[in-house]
Protein backbone atom coordinates (compact mmCIF):
# COMPACT_ATOMS: atom_id res chain seq x y z
CA MET A 1 0.00 0.00 0.00
CA ALA A 2 2.86 2.35 0.71
CA SER A 3 3.93 2.13 -2.91
CA PHE A 4 0.47 3.17 -4.18
CA SER A 5 0.91 6.36 -6.17
CA PRO A 6 -1.17 9.37 -5.09
CA PHE A 7 -1.25 10.43 -8.74
CA LEU A 8 -2.95 7.13 -9.67
CA LEU A 9 -5.54 7.78 -6.95
CA PHE A 10 -6.09 11.27 -8.36
CA PHE A 11 -6.80 10.03 -11.88
CA LEU A 12 -9.05 7.23 -10.59
CA LEU A 13 -11.13 9.78 -8.72
CA CYS A 14 -11.39 11.91 -11.85
CA PHE A 15 -13.30 9.13 -13.61
CA LEU A 16 -15.74 8.54 -10.76
CA CYS A 17 -19.05 10.31 -10.22
CA ILE A 18 -20.09 10.82 -6.61
CA GLU A 19 -23.84 11.24 -6.22
CA ALA A 20 -24.43 13.87 -3.60
CA SER A 21 -28.10 14.91 -3.22
CA VAL A 22 -28.72 11.35 -4.34
CA HIS A 23 -27.86 9.57 -1.08
CA LYS A 24 -26.74 6.04 -1.85
CA TYR A 25 -26.62 3.20 0.69
CA ALA A 26 -24.25 0.42 -0.30
CA SER A 27 -24.81 -2.32 2.29
CA GLU A 28 -24.74 0.11 5.21
CA THR A 29 -24.66 -1.77 8.53
CA PHE A 30 -26.92 -0.80 11.42
CA ILE A 31 -25.02 0.50 14.45
CA SER A 32 -26.14 0.07 18.05
CA LYS A 33 -27.26 3.35 19.65
CA GLY A 34 -28.63 2.81 23.14
CA ASN A 35 -31.36 0.17 22.81
CA ALA A 36 -31.84 0.75 19.06
CA PHE A 37 -29.95 -0.08 15.87
CA VAL A 38 -29.50 2.88 13.53
CA VAL A 39 -28.29 3.91 10.06
CA HIS A 40 -28.08 7.63 9.34
CA GLY A 41 -29.72 8.16 5.97
CA GLY A 42 -28.90 11.85 5.47
CA SER A 43 -29.26 15.43 6.71
CA GLU A 44 -30.01 18.36 4.43
CA GLY A 45 -31.47 21.82 4.63
CA LEU A 46 -34.59 21.89 2.45
CA TYR A 47 -36.77 24.83 1.45
CA ALA A 48 -40.55 24.52 1.28
CA SER A 49 -42.11 23.53 -2.04
CA GLN A 50 -43.40 26.33 -4.21
CA ASN A 51 -46.27 24.21 -5.55
CA GLY A 52 -48.26 21.22 -4.44
CA SER A 53 -46.77 18.41 -6.55
CA VAL A 54 -43.78 16.19 -5.96
CA THR A 55 -43.51 15.22 -9.63
CA SER A 56 -43.78 18.53 -11.43
CA GLY A 57 -40.05 19.10 -11.52
CA ASN A 58 -39.63 22.84 -10.95
CA GLY A 59 -40.45 24.53 -7.66
CA ASP A 60 -41.03 21.30 -5.74
CA SER A 61 -39.09 20.06 -2.73
CA TYR A 62 -39.13 16.45 -1.63
CA ILE A 63 -37.35 13.38 -0.26
CA ARG A 64 -37.89 10.36 -2.51
CA PHE A 65 -37.16 6.73 -1.54
CA GLN A 66 -36.10 4.44 -4.37
CA LYS A 67 -35.19 0.74 -4.26
CA ILE A 68 -34.59 0.63 -0.50
CA ILE A 69 -33.81 -3.01 0.38
CA PHE A 70 -33.03 -4.47 3.81
CA ARG A 71 -31.08 -7.73 3.89
CA ARG A 72 -30.63 -9.87 7.00
CA PRO A 73 -28.17 -12.76 7.56
CA LYS A 74 -29.29 -16.34 7.04
CA GLU A 75 -29.14 -17.21 10.74
CA ALA A 76 -31.76 -14.53 11.43
CA ALA A 77 -34.18 -15.88 8.80
CA GLN A 78 -35.64 -18.66 10.95
CA SER A 79 -38.31 -16.44 12.43
CA SER A 80 -40.29 -13.32 11.70
CA SER A 81 -38.95 -10.06 13.01
CA GLY A 82 -40.00 -6.64 14.11
CA MET A 83 -40.42 -3.76 11.73
CA VAL A 84 -37.54 -1.77 10.24
CA HIS A 85 -38.53 1.89 10.33
CA ALA A 86 -37.62 4.89 8.19
CA ILE A 87 -38.04 8.10 10.19
CA VAL A 88 -37.90 11.57 8.65
CA PHE A 89 -38.10 14.60 10.96
CA GLU A 90 -37.23 18.28 11.03
CA VAL A 91 -34.51 19.15 13.51
CA GLU A 92 -36.87 21.23 15.67
CA ASP A 93 -38.94 18.06 16.21
CA ARG A 94 -36.02 16.00 17.44
CA GLU A 95 -37.57 15.71 20.92
CA THR A 96 -40.53 13.86 19.42
CA ILE A 97 -38.30 10.83 18.79
CA GLY A 98 -37.63 8.60 21.80
CA GLY A 99 -38.69 8.91 25.42
CA SER A 100 -37.93 7.87 28.99
CA ALA A 101 -39.85 6.36 31.88
CA TYR A 102 -39.96 8.31 35.15
CA GLY A 103 -37.29 10.72 33.94
CA GLY A 104 -34.69 8.01 33.39
CA GLN A 105 -32.33 7.46 30.50
CA ARG A 106 -33.83 8.40 27.12
CA ALA A 107 -34.52 5.44 24.82
CA ILE A 108 -35.41 5.25 21.13
CA CYS A 109 -37.13 1.87 21.32
CA CYS A 110 -40.03 1.21 23.67
CA THR A 111 -39.03 -0.49 26.93
CA SER A 112 -41.06 -2.61 29.31
CA ASP A 113 -41.34 0.32 31.73
CA LEU A 114 -42.76 2.58 29.05
CA GLU A 115 -45.17 -0.15 27.94
CA LYS A 116 -46.43 -0.50 31.52
CA ILE A 117 -47.51 3.13 31.58
CA GLY A 118 -49.16 2.76 28.18
CA ALA A 119 -46.78 5.07 26.33
CA CYS A 120 -45.91 2.61 23.54
CA THR A 121 -45.62 -1.01 22.47
CA GLN A 122 -42.43 -2.77 23.47
CA GLY A 123 -40.06 -3.30 20.53
CA GLN A 124 -41.43 -0.36 18.56
CA VAL A 125 -39.77 3.01 17.89
CA ILE A 126 -41.05 5.74 20.20
CA TYR A 127 -42.37 8.87 18.55
CA ARG A 128 -45.20 11.33 18.98
CA PRO A 129 -46.74 13.92 16.65
CA SER A 130 -45.11 17.32 16.36
CA THR A 131 -46.88 20.24 18.00
CA ARG A 132 -46.12 22.35 14.90
CA ASN A 133 -47.38 19.85 12.34
CA PRO A 134 -49.38 16.77 13.40
CA ASN A 135 -48.34 14.90 10.23
CA TRP A 136 -44.70 14.93 11.30
CA PRO A 137 -42.41 13.12 11.91
CA GLN A 138 -42.92 10.79 8.96
CA VAL A 139 -42.58 7.19 10.14
CA PHE A 140 -43.08 4.12 7.94
CA GLY A 141 -41.37 0.80 7.44
CA VAL A 142 -41.38 -2.85 6.44
CA SER A 143 -41.03 -6.19 8.24
CA PHE A 144 -39.46 -9.50 7.21
CA SER A 145 -41.59 -12.52 6.38
CA ARG A 146 -40.53 -15.89 7.74
CA ASP A 147 -37.64 -17.47 5.78
CA LYS A 148 -37.17 -14.29 3.73
CA LEU A 149 -33.73 -12.68 3.68
CA VAL A 150 -34.86 -9.49 1.95
CA ALA A 151 -37.50 -6.90 2.75
CA THR A 152 -38.23 -4.11 0.28
CA LEU A 153 -39.51 -0.67 1.26
CA GLN A 154 -42.20 0.59 -1.05
CA PRO A 155 -41.23 3.65 -3.15
CA LYS A 156 -42.37 6.81 -1.45
CA SER A 157 -42.07 10.59 -1.90
CA ILE A 158 -42.36 13.00 1.01
CA GLN A 159 -43.27 16.54 0.07
CA ILE A 160 -41.51 19.29 2.04
CA THR A 161 -44.05 21.96 3.02
CA GLU A 162 -41.93 23.81 5.60
CA THR A 163 -38.38 25.05 5.34
CA GLY A 164 -36.01 23.31 7.76
CA MET A 165 -33.10 20.95 8.41
CA TYR A 166 -34.43 17.45 7.73
CA ASN A 167 -32.93 14.19 9.01
CA LEU A 168 -33.47 10.61 7.89
CA TYR A 169 -32.73 7.55 10.02
CA PHE A 170 -33.36 3.86 9.43
CA ILE A 171 -34.05 2.23 12.80
CA HIS A 172 -34.98 -1.20 14.13
CA CYS A 173 -35.33 -2.54 17.68
CA ASP A 174 -34.86 -6.30 17.13
CA PRO A 175 -31.60 -7.76 18.53
CA ASN A 176 -32.17 -10.85 16.34
CA LEU A 177 -31.49 -8.69 13.25
CA LYS A 178 -27.82 -8.33 14.05
CA GLY A 179 -25.93 -7.93 10.78
CA LEU A 180 -28.83 -6.25 8.97
CA VAL A 181 -27.77 -4.01 6.05
CA VAL A 182 -29.59 -1.48 3.88
CA LYS A 183 -29.17 -0.84 0.13
CA GLY A 184 -30.75 1.67 -2.21
CA LYS A 185 -30.95 5.45 -2.45
CA THR A 186 -32.93 8.51 -1.52
CA ILE A 187 -33.19 11.67 -3.61
CA TRP A 188 -33.34 15.04 -1.85
CA LYS A 189 -34.43 18.04 -3.90
CA ASN A 190 -34.88 21.76 -3.22
CA PRO A 191 -37.24 24.03 -5.21
CA THR A 192 -34.33 25.47 -7.20
CA GLY A 193 -32.43 22.23 -7.80
CA TYR A 194 -30.51 19.41 -6.18
CA LEU A 195 -28.00 21.50 -4.24
CA PRO A 196 -28.32 20.97 -0.46
CA GLY A 197 -29.76 24.02 1.26
CA ARG A 198 -26.50 25.18 2.80
CA MET A 199 -24.65 24.91 -0.52
CA ALA A 200 -27.31 26.56 -2.71
CA PRO A 201 -26.30 30.21 -2.02
CA LEU A 202 -22.66 29.38 -2.81
CA MET A 203 -23.44 28.88 -6.50
CA ASN A 204 -24.46 32.53 -6.87
CA PHE A 205 -21.58 33.58 -4.64
CA TYR A 206 -18.98 31.87 -6.85
CA GLY A 207 -20.60 33.46 -9.88
CA PHE A 208 -20.13 36.86 -8.24
CA MET A 209 -16.52 36.04 -7.29
CA SER A 210 -15.78 34.93 -10.86
CA PHE A 211 -16.97 38.32 -12.07
CA ALA A 212 -14.85 40.09 -9.41
CA PHE A 213 -11.74 38.18 -10.51
CA VAL A 214 -12.45 39.06 -14.12
CA ILE A 215 -12.50 42.77 -13.22
CA LEU A 216 -9.26 42.42 -11.23
CA GLY A 217 -7.72 40.45 -14.08
CA VAL A 218 -8.67 43.07 -16.68
CA PHE A 219 -7.02 45.79 -14.59
CA TRP A 220 -3.88 43.77 -13.90
CA PHE A 221 -3.35 42.31 -17.37
CA SER A 222 -3.93 45.68 -19.04
CA GLN A 223 -1.22 47.20 -16.84
CA TYR A 224 0.99 44.20 -17.47
CA ALA A 225 0.61 44.59 -21.25
CA ARG A 226 1.28 48.34 -21.16
CA PHE A 227 4.45 48.14 -19.07
CA TRP A 228 5.70 44.63 -19.84
CA LYS A 229 9.26 45.91 -20.23
CA GLU A 230 9.17 47.22 -16.66
CA VAL A 231 7.75 44.04 -15.09
CA VAL A 232 9.73 42.61 -12.17
CA PRO A 233 9.74 38.92 -11.06
CA LEU A 234 7.40 39.59 -8.12
CA GLN A 235 4.71 40.85 -10.50
CA ASN A 236 4.93 37.61 -12.49
CA CYS A 237 4.09 35.72 -9.28
CA ILE A 238 1.07 37.97 -8.68
CA THR A 239 -0.07 37.29 -12.25
CA LEU A 240 0.03 33.56 -11.47
CA VAL A 241 -2.13 33.99 -8.34
CA ILE A 242 -4.75 36.03 -10.26
CA SER A 243 -4.88 33.41 -13.02
CA LEU A 244 -5.30 30.59 -10.50
CA GLY A 245 -8.03 32.55 -8.71
CA MET A 246 -9.98 33.08 -11.94
CA LEU A 247 -9.80 29.38 -12.76
CA GLU A 248 -10.74 28.33 -9.21
CA MET A 249 -13.85 30.54 -9.04
CA ALA A 250 -15.01 29.50 -12.51
CA LEU A 251 -14.57 25.80 -11.71
CA TRP A 252 -16.47 26.11 -8.43
CA TYR A 253 -19.34 27.89 -10.17
CA PHE A 254 -19.63 25.23 -12.90
CA GLU A 255 -19.27 22.45 -10.33
CA TYR A 256 -22.18 23.80 -8.28
CA ALA A 257 -24.26 24.50 -11.40
CA GLU A 258 -23.77 20.92 -12.65
CA PHE A 259 -24.54 19.51 -9.22
CA ASN A 260 -27.69 21.63 -8.95
CA GLU A 261 -28.92 20.59 -12.38
CA THR A 262 -28.35 16.83 -12.23
CA GLY A 263 -28.03 15.91 -8.55
CA VAL A 264 -24.71 14.25 -9.38
CA ARG A 265 -21.57 15.95 -8.14
CA PRO A 266 -18.91 15.91 -10.93
CA THR A 267 -15.87 14.55 -9.15
CA GLY A 268 -13.39 15.60 -11.83
CA ILE A 269 -14.42 19.26 -11.72
CA THR A 270 -14.48 19.18 -7.91
CA ILE A 271 -10.94 17.82 -7.71
CA TRP A 272 -9.63 20.40 -10.18
CA ALA A 273 -11.38 23.23 -8.33
CA VAL A 274 -9.93 22.03 -5.01
CA THR A 275 -6.44 21.67 -6.51
CA PHE A 276 -6.41 25.08 -8.20
CA GLY A 277 -7.65 26.65 -4.97
CA THR A 278 -5.01 24.91 -2.87
CA VAL A 279 -2.24 25.90 -5.28
CA LYS A 280 -3.51 29.50 -5.25
CA ARG A 281 -3.53 29.69 -1.42
CA THR A 282 -0.09 28.10 -1.19
CA VAL A 283 1.48 30.40 -3.80
CA ALA A 284 -0.21 33.44 -2.23
CA ARG A 285 1.25 32.65 1.19
CA ILE A 286 4.70 32.06 -0.28
CA ILE A 287 4.52 35.35 -2.21
CA ILE A 288 3.52 37.29 0.92
CA LEU A 289 6.36 35.65 2.84
CA MET A 290 8.90 36.46 0.10
CA VAL A 291 7.68 40.08 -0.08
CA CYS A 292 8.09 40.40 3.68
CA MET A 293 11.62 39.03 3.34
CA GLY A 294 12.32 41.72 0.74
CA TYR A 295 12.66 39.40 -2.26
CA GLY A 296 12.73 41.28 -5.56
CA VAL A 297 12.61 44.61 -3.79
CA VAL A 298 15.61 44.82 -1.50
CA ARG A 299 17.31 41.48 -2.08
CA PRO A 300 17.84 39.54 -5.33
CA THR A 301 17.39 36.03 -3.85
CA LEU A 302 16.29 34.33 -0.66
CA GLY A 303 19.67 32.68 -0.30
CA GLY A 304 19.69 29.79 2.13
CA LEU A 305 16.05 30.36 3.05
CA THR A 306 14.77 29.10 -0.31
CA SER A 307 14.69 25.44 0.75
CA LYS A 308 12.90 26.25 4.02
CA VAL A 309 10.25 28.35 2.27
CA THR A 310 9.75 25.60 -0.33
CA MET A 311 9.43 22.94 2.37
CA LEU A 312 6.85 24.94 4.34
CA GLY A 313 4.88 25.67 1.16
CA GLY A 314 4.93 22.03 0.05
CA THR A 315 3.78 20.78 3.44
CA PHE A 316 0.96 23.34 3.52
CA PHE A 317 -0.15 22.31 0.03
CA LEU A 318 -0.36 18.62 0.96
CA ALA A 319 -2.23 19.24 4.22
CA SER A 320 -4.68 21.66 2.57
CA GLU A 321 -5.26 19.41 -0.43
CA VAL A 322 -6.17 16.43 1.75
CA LEU A 323 -8.50 18.56 3.89
CA GLU A 324 -10.29 20.11 0.91
CA LEU A 325 -10.67 16.77 -0.89
CA VAL A 326 -12.22 15.17 2.19
CA GLU A 327 -14.59 18.12 2.70
CA ASN A 328 -15.71 18.49 -0.91
CA VAL A 329 -15.32 15.30 -2.94
CA GLY A 330 -18.45 13.26 -2.39
CA ALA A 331 -19.82 15.62 0.29
CA ILE A 332 -23.46 14.77 0.86
CA ASN A 333 -24.90 15.96 4.13
CA ASP A 334 -25.31 19.48 5.47
CA PHE A 335 -23.02 18.97 8.45
CA SER A 336 -19.30 18.68 9.13
CA GLY A 337 -17.89 15.50 10.63
CA LYS A 338 -16.14 15.93 13.95
CA ALA A 339 -13.39 13.55 12.81
CA ARG A 340 -12.26 16.15 10.26
CA ILE A 341 -10.86 18.25 13.10
CA PHE A 342 -7.74 16.09 12.80
CA LEU A 343 -7.30 17.33 9.23
CA VAL A 344 -7.98 20.96 10.17
CA LEU A 345 -5.32 21.06 12.91
CA PRO A 346 -2.24 20.57 10.66
CA VAL A 347 -3.45 23.32 8.31
CA ALA A 348 -4.08 25.68 11.24
CA ILE A 349 -0.60 25.01 12.69
CA LEU A 350 1.09 25.60 9.33
CA ASP A 351 -0.89 28.81 8.89
CA ALA A 352 0.36 29.94 12.30
CA PHE A 353 3.95 29.28 11.17
CA PHE A 354 3.35 31.34 8.05
CA ILE A 355 1.94 34.27 10.04
CA LEU A 356 4.76 34.21 12.59
CA TRP A 357 7.44 34.05 9.89
CA ILE A 358 5.73 36.74 7.80
CA PHE A 359 5.59 39.32 10.58
CA THR A 360 9.08 38.50 11.87
CA SER A 361 10.53 39.01 8.39
CA LEU A 362 8.44 42.12 7.81
CA SER A 363 9.69 43.71 11.01
CA THR A 364 13.32 43.07 10.01
CA THR A 365 12.74 44.44 6.50
CA LEU A 366 11.12 47.63 7.81
CA LYS A 367 14.02 48.26 10.20
CA LYS A 368 16.57 47.83 7.45
CA LEU A 369 14.70 50.05 5.02
CA GLN A 370 14.43 52.73 7.67
CA ALA A 371 18.12 52.45 8.44
CA ARG A 372 19.02 52.72 4.75
CA ARG A 373 16.59 55.60 4.21
CA ILE A 374 15.03 54.00 1.13
CA MET A 375 11.90 56.09 1.57
CA ALA A 376 9.87 55.04 -1.50
CA LYS A 377 10.12 51.36 -0.62
CA LEU A 378 9.65 52.08 3.08
CA ASP A 379 6.37 53.87 2.38
CA MET A 380 5.14 50.97 0.25
CA TYR A 381 6.05 48.42 2.93
CA ARG A 382 4.30 50.45 5.63
CA LYS A 383 1.08 50.38 3.60
CA PHE A 384 1.51 46.65 3.08
CA THR A 385 2.10 46.16 6.82
CA ASN A 386 -1.11 48.00 7.67
CA ALA A 387 -3.08 45.86 5.21
CA LEU A 388 -1.63 42.64 6.65
CA ALA A 389 -2.30 43.74 10.21
CA VAL A 390 -5.93 44.53 9.41
CA ALA A 391 -6.32 41.17 7.61
CA VAL A 392 -4.91 39.26 10.61
CA ILE A 393 -7.10 41.12 13.10
CA VAL A 394 -10.22 40.54 10.99
CA SER A 395 -9.25 36.86 10.55
CA VAL A 396 -8.87 36.33 14.30
CA GLY A 397 -12.20 38.05 14.92
CA TRP A 398 -13.93 35.92 12.30
CA ILE A 399 -12.40 32.72 13.72
CA CYS A 400 -13.85 33.63 17.13
CA TYR A 401 -17.24 34.24 15.51
CA GLU A 402 -17.01 30.94 13.64
CA LEU A 403 -16.27 29.06 16.87
CA TYR A 404 -19.20 30.82 18.53
CA PHE A 405 -21.47 30.03 15.56
CA LYS A 406 -20.63 26.33 15.53
CA SER A 407 -20.73 25.89 19.31
CA ASN A 408 -24.24 27.39 19.41
CA ASP A 409 -25.51 25.48 16.39
CA VAL A 410 -25.04 21.87 17.41
CA TYR A 411 -28.04 20.66 15.39
CA ASN A 412 -27.38 22.87 12.32
CA GLU A 413 -30.54 24.89 12.84
CA ARG A 414 -28.84 27.99 11.35
CA TRP A 415 -28.00 26.21 8.11
CA GLN A 416 -29.43 29.00 5.95
CA SER A 417 -26.65 31.40 7.00
CA ALA A 418 -23.82 28.83 7.30
CA TRP A 419 -22.63 29.55 3.73
CA ILE A 420 -21.37 32.95 4.89
CA ILE A 421 -18.49 31.33 6.82
CA PRO A 422 -16.59 29.83 3.82
CA ALA A 423 -17.62 32.79 1.65
CA PHE A 424 -15.99 35.26 4.05
CA TRP A 425 -12.55 33.68 3.67
CA GLN A 426 -12.80 33.96 -0.11
CA VAL A 427 -13.74 37.64 0.17
CA LEU A 428 -10.90 38.34 2.63
CA SER A 429 -8.25 36.66 0.46
CA PHE A 430 -9.55 38.48 -2.60
CA SER A 431 -9.41 41.82 -0.74
CA LEU A 432 -5.80 41.22 0.32
CA LEU A 433 -4.89 40.21 -3.24
CA SER A 434 -6.50 43.42 -4.55
CA ILE A 435 -4.41 45.51 -2.12
CA ILE A 436 -1.24 43.75 -3.25
CA CYS A 437 -2.21 44.39 -6.88
CA ALA A 438 -2.74 48.08 -6.12
CA LEU A 439 0.66 48.39 -4.40
CA TRP A 440 2.65 46.37 -6.95
CA ALA A 441 0.74 47.09 -10.17
CA PRO A 442 3.01 47.24 -13.25
CA SER A 443 3.83 50.84 -14.16
CA GLN A 444 6.59 52.94 -15.66
CA ASN A 445 8.02 53.24 -12.14
CA SER A 446 8.00 49.51 -11.40
CA THR A 447 11.78 49.31 -11.42
CA ARG A 448 11.85 52.03 -8.78
CA TYR A 449 10.63 49.40 -6.30
CA ALA A 450 12.78 46.59 -7.67
CA TYR A 451 16.10 45.40 -6.30
CA SER A 452 19.09 47.50 -7.36
CA ASP A 453 22.77 46.61 -7.40
CA ASP A 454 23.56 49.99 -5.89
CA ALA A 455 25.93 49.72 -2.96
CA SER A 456 23.39 51.47 -0.76
CA GLU A 457 21.15 48.41 -1.12
CA GLU A 458 23.60 45.68 -0.20
CA PHE A 459 20.91 44.28 2.02
CA ASP A 460 22.41 41.15 3.42
CA LYS A 461 25.67 42.51 4.77
CA VAL A 462 26.24 42.24 8.47
CA GLU A 463 27.09 45.92 8.64
CA THR A 464 23.47 46.90 7.99
CA LEU A 465 22.50 45.39 11.32
CA LYS A 466 24.92 47.71 13.10
CA LEU A 467 24.14 50.79 11.07
CA ILE A 468 23.21 53.83 13.17
CA LYS A 469 21.00 56.41 11.55
CA PRO A 470 23.11 59.63 11.29
CA SER A 471 21.71 63.13 11.13
CA PRO A 472 22.31 65.28 8.01
CA MET A 473 24.56 67.72 9.93
CA ALA A 474 26.63 64.90 11.36
CA SER A 475 27.15 63.46 7.92
CA MET A 476 28.22 66.88 6.63
CA ASP A 477 30.61 67.34 9.57
CA VAL A 478 32.18 63.95 8.96
CA ARG A 479 32.56 64.73 5.26
CA ASN A 480 34.05 68.18 5.97
CA SER A 481 36.48 66.81 8.53
CA SER A 482 37.57 64.10 6.09
CA GLU A 483 38.13 66.70 3.37
CA THR A 484 40.09 68.93 5.81
CA ARG A 485 42.36 66.05 6.79
CA ALA A 486 42.94 65.23 3.14
CA VAL A 487 43.89 68.88 2.34
CA ARG A 488 46.24 69.04 5.30
CA SER A 489 47.94 65.81 4.32
CA ARG A 490 48.41 67.08 0.77
CA ASP A 491 49.85 70.44 2.00
CA GLU A 492 52.23 68.67 4.35
CA ALA A 493 53.40 66.43 1.56
CA LEU A 494 54.09 69.43 -0.66
CA ASN A 495 56.01 71.24 2.07
CA GLU A 496 58.19 68.28 2.89
CA ASP A 497 61.87 68.42 1.89
CA PRO A 498 62.58 65.90 -0.92
CA GLU A 499 65.84 65.03 0.64
CA GLU A 500 64.19 64.01 3.86
CA LYS A 501 62.10 61.56 1.87
CA THR A 502 65.17 59.96 0.35
CA GLU A 503 66.69 59.50 3.73
């Protein structure tokens, strides 16, 4: 397995199609939860239907069950069994599922104590009608006949009449059905298409971001074409980031549009969108770090730091790529798995390294520019420092808000506004890129901010660290005293007796 090529995995994924709003169950095994056995069938935010039909196509919202088959092992086929239930409920009605006797531990399946007080029938799933809508939750199922290994759930469509976060669970209460599996699929549809409710606004958002990148690209490439003779290496790197951003936004928009139209998430487009985005973020961080180190402005190369910068960038790319692939390729439900925190942590730690290194290098560069009195570059770097500082402060504030949002939305009840969280990071990175483009736009003065071989910009010499900023008068006094000593030495040499020299 260690020799398996990641590139082979990449190309295999490109030829697969992951069905997203079409939730597929490929021999999913029931898991014990308390006194019940459960398979999670899906969770999506759904908007209310705009008409009264579940077959009209446009404007309808529904959950449709197709070819749902339950298969039990042969050893369990000697007797009849209890019913296998499908339960669909809106998250606000979660308390209607399950119950407890005398305030004890909550159970999903009816217990003998609950049967004694007449609350339910032992072995059945406990539920009661919602106070908001007596027809919910939707509970139906199928039971096994004697000697039959398979039980088929009849096709069914559930119309969504109220907007909410809907959950589907397959549940049974029979311990004799150990090893039971479910196969088939359910189709979840919103009035505007197959995109899950939390993802639906992102399609329009990526369309807007594509347009914003086009405007930025027109400005940048027009400047680049006008002053191509004055372009410095740093501006070529910025051109790469803008190009990657345009491709990423366009791919995301077409990926969401295709998903919304067909209900099938195009894996190839998703992988390319994720990869272009990861490359863009990695290159952007490396560019910011190199700028803060003074590359292309006050130093011609990074010297011995090149390998360290490359290593940090490569590690960040790998960690981010894995995280984004897990979060996007084949994503079905409108919730984030808690296990993915282990993929988020490496990216967060690497980001912290980037930020620490960026501001450490920026502080050193500012001190050296101030010491050298390179005022044009110093002014540009001060503006860049202010932009970075604002971006970091806003990022920290948004992270705090995101933690607050997620900690207070355990059941995803605020799913309609959850799209704002990933959208904000795209807007923030685009804003920072726009500021960099404004500061380093190609112009007839581009070379004014580029590295020069002038002796006054020998940036890496040890002497610059010890340089003390002199006042103009002091410099003039030193120069005058040096000239006076030179004149005196010349006069003394002229007045000397030639014979004394020969002696």
